[in-house]
Amino acid sequence: MSGERILIVDAEAEVAEGLAGLLRYDGYVVDVATSPAEAEARLGKSLYDVAIVDLHVPGAGGMDILGRCRKIDPAIAVLMLAAFGTVDAAAKAFKLGAKDFLAKPARHEDLSAAVARALDGSRLAREARALREQFKTTPSFAAIVGRSRALQEALDLAAKAAASEIPLVLCGETGTGKDLVAAAIHQASSRAARPMVTAVIAAGPDQLQKSALFGHVKGAFTGAVSSQRGYFKEADGSTLFLNEIAEVSLETQVALLRAIEDKRIRPVGADHEISTDVRILCATLKNLQAEVQAQRFREDLYYRIGGMFVEMPALRERVEDIPLLAAHFVQEFVRQGGSIPEIEPDALESLCRYSWPGNVRELKNVMERAVLLSGGGTIRSSHCLTHPFSASAPRSEGYCDLALDEACDCFTRDYLSRLLTRYGGDTQKVADHAKVHVTTIRGKIRKLGIEKGPG
């Protein structure tokens, strides 16, 4: 027995009971309503996974019942049933959120297949909603969606660290959610009353890195027209998240180690030190052990910040989370009160085959575009602009299904995403690799909506 609940709304009791019998044979729990009032009463008392509604129900009408079903429970999958109808009626039903449109009398095999397809979408929507409800009781991890073992192991480790003051390093590729986990750790800590301060460390002159971290006094260097507090002082009494810690220069690393150990900083150009009380969280795209061996990162700082290391899994390592994440993002991008599009099984399969060099951030962008391109209807493979490929097939073969301009955009998006991952978001290094001017690279990034930031 499958146990899923189905409501059939049809004024013809014999027809409704006939359909109910077929579906009960398939193992579903089925209720019947022969009027709009009875349908609304049942919807108010029970949670249904699927509703099968006759388009021509006397009184309120099938379209009104469809809208009522979606209002009461946005996750319910509604199938419309009609002995006759028009293309306009079907189009309106789909626009209002119907998942399928079946002709009466419905054959058992057609009905079973339609219900099975509808349940796939309903399960995803319901699971995503359940996760959001669960996260309301644990708000520190509200933005992190997924149930794969790889993700849960990382989150369990992060949760254990949250209650302590242990310094922690979040490792992983760009777009894996290191910034979200850092925020979750802070929100679950004793310092949550004050906002976490995020310092994105960019490669640059020592003086500018020190100024960003520790502040400076007016006139400390050319361009210092006023004093600046710096990240450490901004985060006093809270958490300081040092994103891309591997980009800190060796000279600045010395000052950073002293600031962490002594809990005192000296702003650039100042003649005195300032006490600070911060909890340090770090993130990096790079292998810090390899950076230490290459003498680009100080070994003493490595051990000082690395009380615990949490490795965030790449999306390709948690493929089972992709359907849930996709459904979560679709619901996030649908306007309040709008119909939540179903994701076609072939589209989900394609998404699961793709390598996701930009990880969850890239998936989020893809689903936002897919919602727009679908126009509120079913999301199909053609709406997912990454144009995923199977791991076994040469990547070039997949472009043959596209128009030339779209194929070029897909290749360029994938090419630049991979290079941005390799070079930690440094567009100049990507430009040098591609042998073009950096403004060309930045223009492509803007045009194609590619995320280039770290984390």
Protein backbone atom coordinates (compact mmCIF):
# COMPACT_ATOMS: atom_id res chain seq x y z
CA MET A 1 0.00 0.00 0.00
CA SER A 2 1.42 3.37 -0.97
CA GLY A 3 -0.65 5.30 1.58
CA GLU A 4 -0.85 8.57 -0.39
CA ARG A 5 -4.22 10.32 -0.05
CA ILE A 6 -6.29 11.33 -3.08
CA LEU A 7 -9.47 13.39 -3.28
CA ILE A 8 -11.83 12.96 -6.24
CA VAL A 9 -14.29 15.80 -6.90
CA ASP A 10 -17.01 14.89 -9.40
CA ALA A 11 -20.77 15.53 -9.28
CA GLU A 12 -21.39 12.14 -10.91
CA ALA A 13 -21.13 9.80 -7.92
CA GLU A 14 -20.84 6.67 -10.04
CA VAL A 15 -17.94 8.13 -12.05
CA ALA A 16 -16.20 9.30 -8.89
CA GLU A 17 -16.57 5.92 -7.19
CA GLY A 18 -15.34 4.17 -10.35
CA LEU A 19 -12.17 6.24 -10.35
CA ALA A 20 -11.80 5.73 -6.61
CA GLY A 21 -11.96 1.97 -7.09
CA LEU A 22 -9.18 2.04 -9.69
CA LEU A 23 -6.94 4.12 -7.47
CA ARG A 24 -7.67 2.06 -4.36
CA TYR A 25 -6.59 -0.96 -6.39
CA ASP A 26 -3.26 0.87 -6.89
CA GLY A 27 -2.92 1.20 -3.12
CA TYR A 28 -4.00 4.80 -2.58
CA VAL A 29 -6.32 6.09 0.15
CA VAL A 30 -9.17 7.76 -1.75
CA ASP A 31 -12.03 10.04 -0.67
CA VAL A 32 -14.87 11.26 -2.87
CA ALA A 33 -16.69 14.62 -2.90
CA THR A 34 -19.69 15.25 -5.15
CA SER A 35 -20.07 18.99 -4.55
CA PRO A 36 -17.81 22.03 -4.02
CA ALA A 37 -18.99 22.34 -0.39
CA GLU A 38 -18.16 18.72 0.36
CA ALA A 39 -14.77 19.10 -1.36
CA GLU A 40 -13.92 22.16 0.72
CA ALA A 41 -14.99 20.41 3.92
CA ARG A 42 -12.75 17.43 3.17
CA LEU A 43 -9.81 19.67 2.24
CA GLY A 44 -10.22 21.47 5.55
CA LYS A 45 -10.11 18.23 7.55
CA SER A 46 -7.53 16.11 5.71
CA LEU A 47 -4.20 16.55 3.94
CA TYR A 48 -4.31 15.22 0.37
CA ASP A 49 -1.39 14.60 -1.96
CA VAL A 50 -3.48 14.69 -5.15
CA ALA A 51 -6.90 16.07 -6.06
CA ILE A 52 -8.70 14.93 -9.23
CA VAL A 53 -11.31 17.57 -10.14
CA ASP A 54 -13.99 17.47 -12.82
CA LEU A 55 -13.81 20.64 -14.89
CA HIS A 56 -17.61 20.90 -15.09
CA VAL A 57 -18.64 20.47 -11.45
CA PRO A 58 -21.96 22.31 -11.00
CA GLY A 59 -21.89 25.33 -8.74
CA ALA A 60 -18.43 26.66 -8.10
CA GLY A 61 -16.91 24.95 -11.16
CA GLY A 62 -13.73 22.96 -11.51
CA MET A 63 -11.51 26.02 -11.96
CA ASP A 64 -12.69 27.53 -8.69
CA ILE A 65 -12.13 24.22 -6.88
CA LEU A 66 -8.64 24.06 -8.41
CA GLY A 67 -7.87 27.52 -7.05
CA ARG A 68 -9.29 26.61 -3.65
CA CYS A 69 -7.19 23.45 -3.47
CA ARG A 70 -4.03 25.41 -4.26
CA LYS A 71 -4.88 28.10 -1.72
CA ILE A 72 -5.51 25.62 1.09
CA ASP A 73 -2.41 23.53 0.29
CA PRO A 74 0.12 24.87 -2.29
CA ALA A 75 1.85 21.47 -2.36
CA ILE A 76 -1.22 19.51 -3.51
CA ALA A 77 -1.08 18.21 -7.09
CA VAL A 78 -4.35 18.84 -8.95
CA LEU A 79 -5.42 16.87 -12.02
CA MET A 80 -8.34 18.16 -14.10
CA LEU A 81 -10.85 15.75 -15.63
CA ALA A 82 -13.26 16.58 -18.47
CA ALA A 83 -15.50 14.70 -20.92
CA PHE A 84 -15.20 17.69 -23.21
CA GLY A 85 -13.37 20.98 -23.09
CA THR A 86 -11.27 23.42 -25.02
CA VAL A 87 -7.61 24.18 -25.42
CA ASP A 88 -8.28 27.50 -23.66
CA ALA A 89 -9.73 25.68 -20.64
CA ALA A 90 -6.70 23.41 -20.45
CA ALA A 91 -4.33 26.37 -20.75
CA LYS A 92 -6.17 28.22 -17.98
CA ALA A 93 -6.06 25.14 -15.74
CA PHE A 94 -2.31 24.76 -16.22
CA LYS A 95 -1.82 28.46 -15.51
CA LEU A 96 -3.72 28.07 -12.24
CA GLY A 97 -1.45 25.21 -11.23
CA ALA A 98 -3.01 22.01 -12.58
CA LYS A 99 -0.50 19.24 -13.16
CA ASP A 100 -2.40 17.36 -15.87
CA PHE A 101 -5.62 17.38 -17.92
CA LEU A 102 -7.31 14.00 -18.45
CA ALA A 103 -10.18 13.02 -20.75
CA LYS A 104 -13.27 11.22 -19.40
CA PRO A 105 -13.64 8.33 -19.20
CA ALA A 106 -10.07 7.91 -17.96
CA ARG A 107 -8.36 4.62 -18.66
CA HIS A 108 -6.77 2.92 -15.65
CA GLU A 109 -3.24 3.02 -17.10
CA ASP A 110 -3.54 6.73 -18.03
CA LEU A 111 -4.94 7.61 -14.62
CA SER A 112 -2.24 5.66 -12.77
CA ALA A 113 0.55 7.25 -14.81
CA ALA A 114 -0.82 10.77 -14.30
CA VAL A 115 -1.20 10.27 -10.54
CA ALA A 116 2.33 8.84 -10.27
CA ARG A 117 3.76 11.88 -12.10
CA ALA A 118 1.76 14.27 -9.94
CA LEU A 119 2.90 12.57 -6.74
CA ASP A 120 6.56 13.03 -7.68
CA GLY A 121 6.08 16.81 -7.73
CA SER A 122 3.88 16.81 -4.64
CA ARG A 123 6.45 14.85 -2.62
CA LEU A 124 9.22 17.28 -3.51
CA ALA A 125 7.11 20.33 -2.68
CA ARG A 126 5.95 18.82 0.61
CA GLU A 127 9.45 17.74 1.61
CA ALA A 128 10.83 21.20 0.87
CA ARG A 129 8.05 22.77 2.95
CA ALA A 130 8.68 20.31 5.79
CA LEU A 131 12.32 21.27 5.80
CA ARG A 132 11.44 24.96 6.02
CA GLU A 133 9.14 24.24 8.97
CA GLN A 134 11.88 22.22 10.60
CA PHE A 135 14.35 25.05 10.07
CA LYS A 136 12.01 27.50 11.83
CA THR A 137 12.83 25.67 15.08
CA THR A 138 16.54 25.71 14.27
CA PRO A 139 16.97 29.11 12.61
CA SER A 140 20.77 28.99 12.67
CA PHE A 141 20.66 26.46 9.83
CA ALA A 142 17.59 27.93 8.07
CA ALA A 143 19.30 28.48 4.72
CA ILE A 144 20.90 25.05 4.37
CA VAL A 145 18.82 22.52 2.45
CA GLY A 146 19.76 18.89 1.96
CA ARG A 147 19.65 15.49 3.58
CA SER A 148 22.59 13.68 2.00
CA ARG A 149 25.01 11.96 4.33
CA ALA A 150 27.94 14.09 3.08
CA LEU A 151 26.14 17.33 3.93
CA GLN A 152 24.74 16.10 7.24
CA GLU A 153 28.18 14.98 8.43
CA ALA A 154 29.55 18.46 7.71
CA LEU A 155 26.60 20.17 9.41
CA ASP A 156 26.79 17.88 12.46
CA LEU A 157 30.46 18.80 12.89
CA ALA A 158 29.67 22.50 12.48
CA ALA A 159 26.82 22.27 15.01
CA LYS A 160 29.14 20.72 17.58
CA ALA A 161 31.59 23.58 17.09
CA ALA A 162 28.88 26.25 17.37
CA ALA A 163 28.47 25.96 21.13
CA SER A 164 32.19 26.49 21.77
CA GLU A 165 34.74 29.16 20.96
CA ILE A 166 36.94 26.78 18.98
CA PRO A 167 38.41 28.38 15.84
CA LEU A 168 37.18 26.67 12.70
CA VAL A 169 38.08 26.53 9.01
CA LEU A 170 35.40 25.80 6.38
CA CYS A 171 36.90 24.20 3.28
CA GLY A 172 35.39 23.52 -0.11
CA GLU A 173 34.76 24.74 -3.62
CA THR A 174 33.05 27.99 -4.49
CA GLY A 175 29.28 27.91 -4.08
CA THR A 176 29.18 25.03 -1.57
CA GLY A 177 27.68 27.20 1.17
CA LYS A 178 30.64 27.97 3.40
CA ASP A 179 29.24 31.42 4.13
CA LEU A 180 25.84 29.93 5.07
CA VAL A 181 27.44 27.47 7.49
CA ALA A 182 29.53 30.24 9.05
CA ALA A 183 26.36 32.27 9.61
CA ALA A 184 24.65 29.18 11.06
CA ILE A 185 27.51 28.60 13.50
CA HIS A 186 27.34 32.21 14.61
CA GLN A 187 23.55 32.16 15.06
CA ALA A 188 23.84 29.02 17.21
CA SER A 189 26.62 30.51 19.35
CA SER A 190 26.59 32.63 22.48
CA ARG A 191 27.56 35.64 20.32
CA ALA A 192 24.39 35.58 18.21
CA ALA A 193 23.01 38.77 19.80
CA ARG A 194 25.45 40.80 17.70
CA PRO A 195 25.75 40.49 13.90
CA MET A 196 28.55 38.44 12.42
CA VAL A 197 31.12 40.45 10.44
CA THR A 198 32.33 38.96 7.16
CA ALA A 199 35.75 39.95 5.85
CA VAL A 200 36.37 38.97 2.23
CA ILE A 201 40.15 38.88 1.97
CA ALA A 202 41.45 39.93 -1.43
CA ALA A 203 45.03 39.58 -2.60
CA GLY A 204 46.70 42.97 -2.44
CA PRO A 205 49.33 45.13 -0.73
CA ASP A 206 50.08 44.34 2.92
CA GLN A 207 49.15 47.84 4.00
CA LEU A 208 45.64 47.58 2.53
CA GLN A 209 45.07 44.10 4.01
CA LYS A 210 46.16 45.30 7.44
CA SER A 211 44.01 48.39 7.13
CA ALA A 212 40.97 46.28 6.22
CA LEU A 213 41.54 43.90 9.14
CA PHE A 214 42.82 46.22 11.86
CA GLY A 215 41.78 49.68 10.68
CA HIS A 216 43.92 52.78 10.27
CA VAL A 217 44.21 56.31 11.62
CA LYS A 218 43.73 59.42 9.54
CA GLY A 219 46.85 60.23 7.51
CA ALA A 220 48.43 56.79 8.03
CA PHE A 221 49.10 56.52 4.29
CA THR A 222 48.22 58.27 1.04
CA GLY A 223 44.47 58.26 0.64
CA ALA A 224 43.74 57.74 4.36
CA VAL A 225 41.62 60.89 4.63
CA SER A 226 39.76 59.59 7.67
CA SER A 227 40.14 56.89 10.30
CA GLN A 228 38.75 53.39 9.73
CA ARG A 229 37.84 50.86 12.40
CA GLY A 230 38.64 47.65 10.50
CA TYR A 231 36.97 44.23 10.62
CA PHE A 232 38.35 43.22 14.02
CA LYS A 233 36.93 46.27 15.77
CA GLU A 234 33.62 45.96 13.89
CA ALA A 235 33.34 42.37 15.13
CA ASP A 236 34.25 43.15 18.75
CA GLY A 237 32.09 40.92 20.96
CA SER A 238 30.88 38.92 17.95
CA THR A 239 32.15 36.55 15.25
CA LEU A 240 34.62 37.52 12.53
CA PHE A 241 34.35 35.37 9.40
CA LEU A 242 37.56 35.58 7.37
CA ASN A 243 36.58 34.42 3.89
CA GLU A 244 39.45 33.30 1.65
CA ILE A 245 42.01 33.24 4.46
CA ALA A 246 44.63 31.82 2.05
CA GLU A 247 44.75 35.20 0.28
CA VAL A 248 46.27 36.92 3.33
CA SER A 249 49.90 37.86 2.64
CA LEU A 250 52.71 36.39 4.73
CA GLU A 251 53.46 39.74 6.35
CA THR A 252 49.81 40.30 7.25
CA GLN A 253 49.62 36.72 8.55
CA VAL A 254 52.18 37.67 11.24
CA ALA A 255 49.97 40.53 12.46
CA LEU A 256 46.87 38.35 12.21
CA LEU A 257 48.43 35.62 14.36
CA ARG A 258 49.38 38.18 16.99
CA ALA A 259 45.89 39.70 16.97
CA ILE A 260 44.26 36.29 17.48
CA GLU A 261 46.65 35.18 20.22
CA ASP A 262 46.90 38.46 22.16
CA LYS A 263 43.35 39.69 21.44
CA ARG A 264 44.83 43.08 20.70
CA ILE A 265 45.25 44.95 17.41
CA ARG A 266 47.24 47.97 16.28
CA PRO A 267 45.55 50.05 13.55
CA VAL A 268 47.86 51.10 10.74
CA GLY A 269 49.60 54.33 11.73
CA ALA A 270 48.47 54.16 15.38
CA ASP A 271 50.86 54.41 18.34
CA HIS A 272 48.78 52.24 20.65
CA GLU A 273 46.98 48.88 20.69
CA ILE A 274 43.27 48.20 21.08
CA SER A 275 41.72 45.23 22.87
CA THR A 276 39.28 43.07 20.89
CA ASP A 277 37.15 40.06 21.68
CA VAL A 278 36.24 38.11 18.54
CA ARG A 279 35.60 34.53 17.62
CA ILE A 280 37.38 33.59 14.41
CA LEU A 281 35.83 31.51 11.63
CA CYS A 282 37.71 31.07 8.34
CA ALA A 283 36.95 29.74 4.89
CA THR A 284 39.15 28.79 1.97
CA LEU A 285 38.96 27.35 -1.53
CA LYS A 286 42.56 26.22 -1.28
CA ASN A 287 44.22 23.31 0.50
CA LEU A 288 45.84 25.05 3.46
CA GLN A 289 48.17 22.14 4.16
CA ALA A 290 49.51 22.43 0.62
CA GLU A 291 49.83 26.20 1.10
CA VAL A 292 51.88 25.60 4.27
CA GLN A 293 54.14 23.13 2.47
CA ALA A 294 54.62 25.65 -0.34
CA GLN A 295 55.53 28.26 2.33
CA ARG A 296 52.70 30.53 1.26
CA PHE A 297 50.87 30.13 4.58
CA ARG A 298 52.41 30.21 8.04
CA GLU A 299 52.34 26.90 9.89
CA ASP A 300 51.77 28.54 13.28
CA LEU A 301 48.74 30.45 11.95
CA TYR A 302 47.44 27.26 10.34
CA TYR A 303 47.35 25.50 13.69
CA ARG A 304 45.97 28.61 15.46
CA ILE A 305 42.93 29.00 13.20
CA GLY A 306 42.42 25.28 12.56
CA GLY A 307 40.98 24.04 15.81
CA MET A 308 38.49 22.20 13.61
CA PHE A 309 38.18 21.73 9.84
CA VAL A 310 34.80 21.24 8.16
CA GLU A 311 34.83 20.10 4.52
CA MET A 312 31.76 21.27 2.61
CA PRO A 313 30.86 18.69 -0.07
CA ALA A 314 30.58 19.69 -3.70
CA LEU A 315 27.10 19.37 -5.20
CA ARG A 316 28.28 16.53 -7.46
CA GLU A 317 29.09 14.61 -4.25
CA ARG A 318 25.52 14.99 -2.96
CA VAL A 319 23.48 14.34 -6.10
CA GLU A 320 20.55 13.05 -4.03
CA ASP A 321 20.04 16.61 -2.75
CA ILE A 322 19.63 18.14 -6.22
CA PRO A 323 15.86 17.44 -6.67
CA LEU A 324 15.11 18.83 -3.21
CA LEU A 325 17.30 21.90 -3.75
CA ALA A 326 15.75 22.49 -7.17
CA ALA A 327 12.22 22.34 -5.71
CA HIS A 328 13.29 24.61 -2.84
CA PHE A 329 14.66 27.25 -5.22
CA VAL A 330 11.61 27.06 -7.50
CA GLN A 331 9.34 27.76 -4.54
CA GLU A 332 11.64 30.56 -3.43
CA PHE A 333 11.43 32.33 -6.80
CA VAL A 334 7.68 31.99 -7.35
CA ARG A 335 5.89 35.19 -6.41
CA GLN A 336 3.71 35.15 -3.31
CA GLY A 337 0.44 33.38 -4.09
CA GLY A 338 1.65 32.21 -7.49
CA SER A 339 1.41 28.68 -8.79
CA ILE A 340 4.47 26.54 -8.05
CA PRO A 341 5.69 24.94 -11.30
CA GLU A 342 6.31 21.22 -11.48
CA ILE A 343 9.80 20.11 -12.51
CA GLU A 344 9.63 17.56 -15.31
CA PRO A 345 11.34 14.23 -14.45
CA ASP A 346 13.60 14.53 -17.50
CA ALA A 347 14.70 17.97 -16.29
CA LEU A 348 15.53 16.60 -12.84
CA GLU A 349 17.48 13.77 -14.43
CA SER A 350 19.44 16.26 -16.52
CA LEU A 351 20.17 18.40 -13.48
CA CYS A 352 21.44 15.34 -11.63
CA ARG A 353 23.78 14.44 -14.52
CA TYR A 354 25.42 17.86 -14.65
CA SER A 355 28.78 18.36 -12.88
CA TRP A 356 27.86 21.74 -11.26
CA PRO A 357 31.23 23.53 -11.20
CA GLY A 358 29.51 26.43 -9.42
CA ASN A 359 27.78 24.08 -6.96
CA VAL A 360 24.61 25.16 -5.11
CA ARG A 361 25.02 28.80 -6.12
CA GLU A 362 24.98 27.79 -9.79
CA LEU A 363 21.92 25.56 -9.27
CA LYS A 364 20.11 28.48 -7.64
CA ASN A 365 20.82 30.69 -10.66
CA VAL A 366 19.72 27.97 -13.07
CA MET A 367 16.40 27.44 -11.27
CA GLU A 368 15.70 31.17 -11.12
CA ARG A 369 16.12 31.37 -14.89
CA ALA A 370 14.06 28.21 -15.35
CA VAL A 371 11.13 29.71 -13.42
CA LEU A 372 11.23 32.79 -15.65
CA LEU A 373 11.57 30.80 -18.89
CA SER A 374 8.77 28.37 -17.97
CA GLY A 375 6.34 31.26 -17.59
CA GLY A 376 4.83 29.57 -14.55
CA GLY A 377 4.29 26.26 -16.36
CA THR A 378 6.10 22.95 -16.07
CA ILE A 379 9.87 23.33 -15.96
CA ARG A 380 11.45 21.28 -18.74
CA SER A 381 15.03 20.42 -19.66
CA SER A 382 15.06 23.23 -22.23
CA HIS A 383 14.46 25.76 -19.45
CA CYS A 384 17.62 24.71 -17.57
CA LEU A 385 20.21 26.73 -19.43
CA THR A 386 23.27 24.83 -18.26
CA HIS A 387 22.26 22.10 -20.75
CA PRO A 388 23.63 19.24 -18.59
CA PHE A 389 25.52 16.33 -20.06
CA SER A 390 26.01 12.76 -18.93
CA ALA A 391 29.32 12.00 -17.32
CA SER A 392 30.09 9.39 -19.98
CA ALA A 393 29.36 11.46 -23.07
CA PRO A 394 31.82 13.97 -24.54
CA ARG A 395 30.67 17.44 -23.50
CA SER A 396 30.77 18.71 -27.09
CA GLU A 397 28.06 16.25 -28.21
CA GLY A 398 25.46 17.80 -25.90
CA TYR A 399 25.60 21.13 -27.69
CA CYS A 400 24.20 19.60 -30.90
CA ASP A 401 20.65 19.91 -29.58
CA LEU A 402 20.96 23.70 -29.28
CA ALA A 403 20.90 26.67 -31.60
CA LEU A 404 24.38 28.03 -32.34
CA ASP A 405 24.08 31.14 -30.13
CA GLU A 406 22.73 29.11 -27.20
CA ALA A 407 25.44 26.46 -27.63
CA CYS A 408 28.12 29.16 -27.59
CA ASP A 409 26.64 30.67 -24.43
CA CYS A 410 26.46 27.26 -22.74
CA PHE A 411 30.08 26.51 -23.59
CA THR A 412 31.27 29.94 -22.48
CA ARG A 413 29.30 29.72 -19.22
CA ASP A 414 30.77 26.31 -18.40
CA TYR A 415 34.29 27.33 -19.49
CA LEU A 416 34.34 30.51 -17.41
CA SER A 417 32.67 28.86 -14.39
CA ARG A 418 35.39 26.23 -14.29
CA LEU A 419 38.20 28.78 -14.66
CA LEU A 420 36.68 31.00 -11.96
CA THR A 421 36.58 27.99 -9.66
CA ARG A 422 40.20 27.14 -10.50
CA TYR A 423 41.42 30.70 -9.87
CA GLY A 424 39.25 31.48 -6.86
CA GLY A 425 37.15 34.10 -8.65
CA ASP A 426 40.17 36.15 -9.84
CA THR A 427 39.00 37.55 -13.18
CA GLN A 428 42.47 38.79 -14.12
CA LYS A 429 43.92 35.29 -13.81
CA VAL A 430 41.00 33.93 -15.85
CA ALA A 431 41.67 36.57 -18.52
CA ASP A 432 45.38 35.69 -18.58
CA HIS A 433 44.52 32.02 -19.00
CA ALA A 434 41.97 32.73 -21.76
CA LYS A 435 44.37 35.21 -23.41
CA VAL A 436 41.80 38.01 -23.62
CA HIS A 437 41.44 41.37 -21.89
CA VAL A 438 39.96 41.28 -18.39
CA THR A 439 37.10 43.61 -19.42
CA THR A 440 36.00 40.97 -21.95
CA ILE A 441 35.84 38.36 -19.19
CA ARG A 442 33.91 40.66 -16.86
CA GLY A 443 31.46 41.49 -19.65
CA LYS A 444 30.84 37.79 -20.31
CA ILE A 445 30.32 37.18 -16.59
CA ARG A 446 27.68 39.92 -16.43
CA LYS A 447 25.97 38.84 -19.65
CA LEU A 448 25.75 35.16 -18.73
CA GLY A 449 24.91 35.70 -15.05
CA ILE A 450 27.95 33.77 -13.79
CA GLU A 451 28.72 33.96 -10.07
CA LYS A 452 32.40 34.73 -9.46
CA GLY A 453 32.57 35.49 -5.73
CA PRO A 454 34.33 33.19 -3.23
CA GLY A 455 32.53 30.96 -0.75
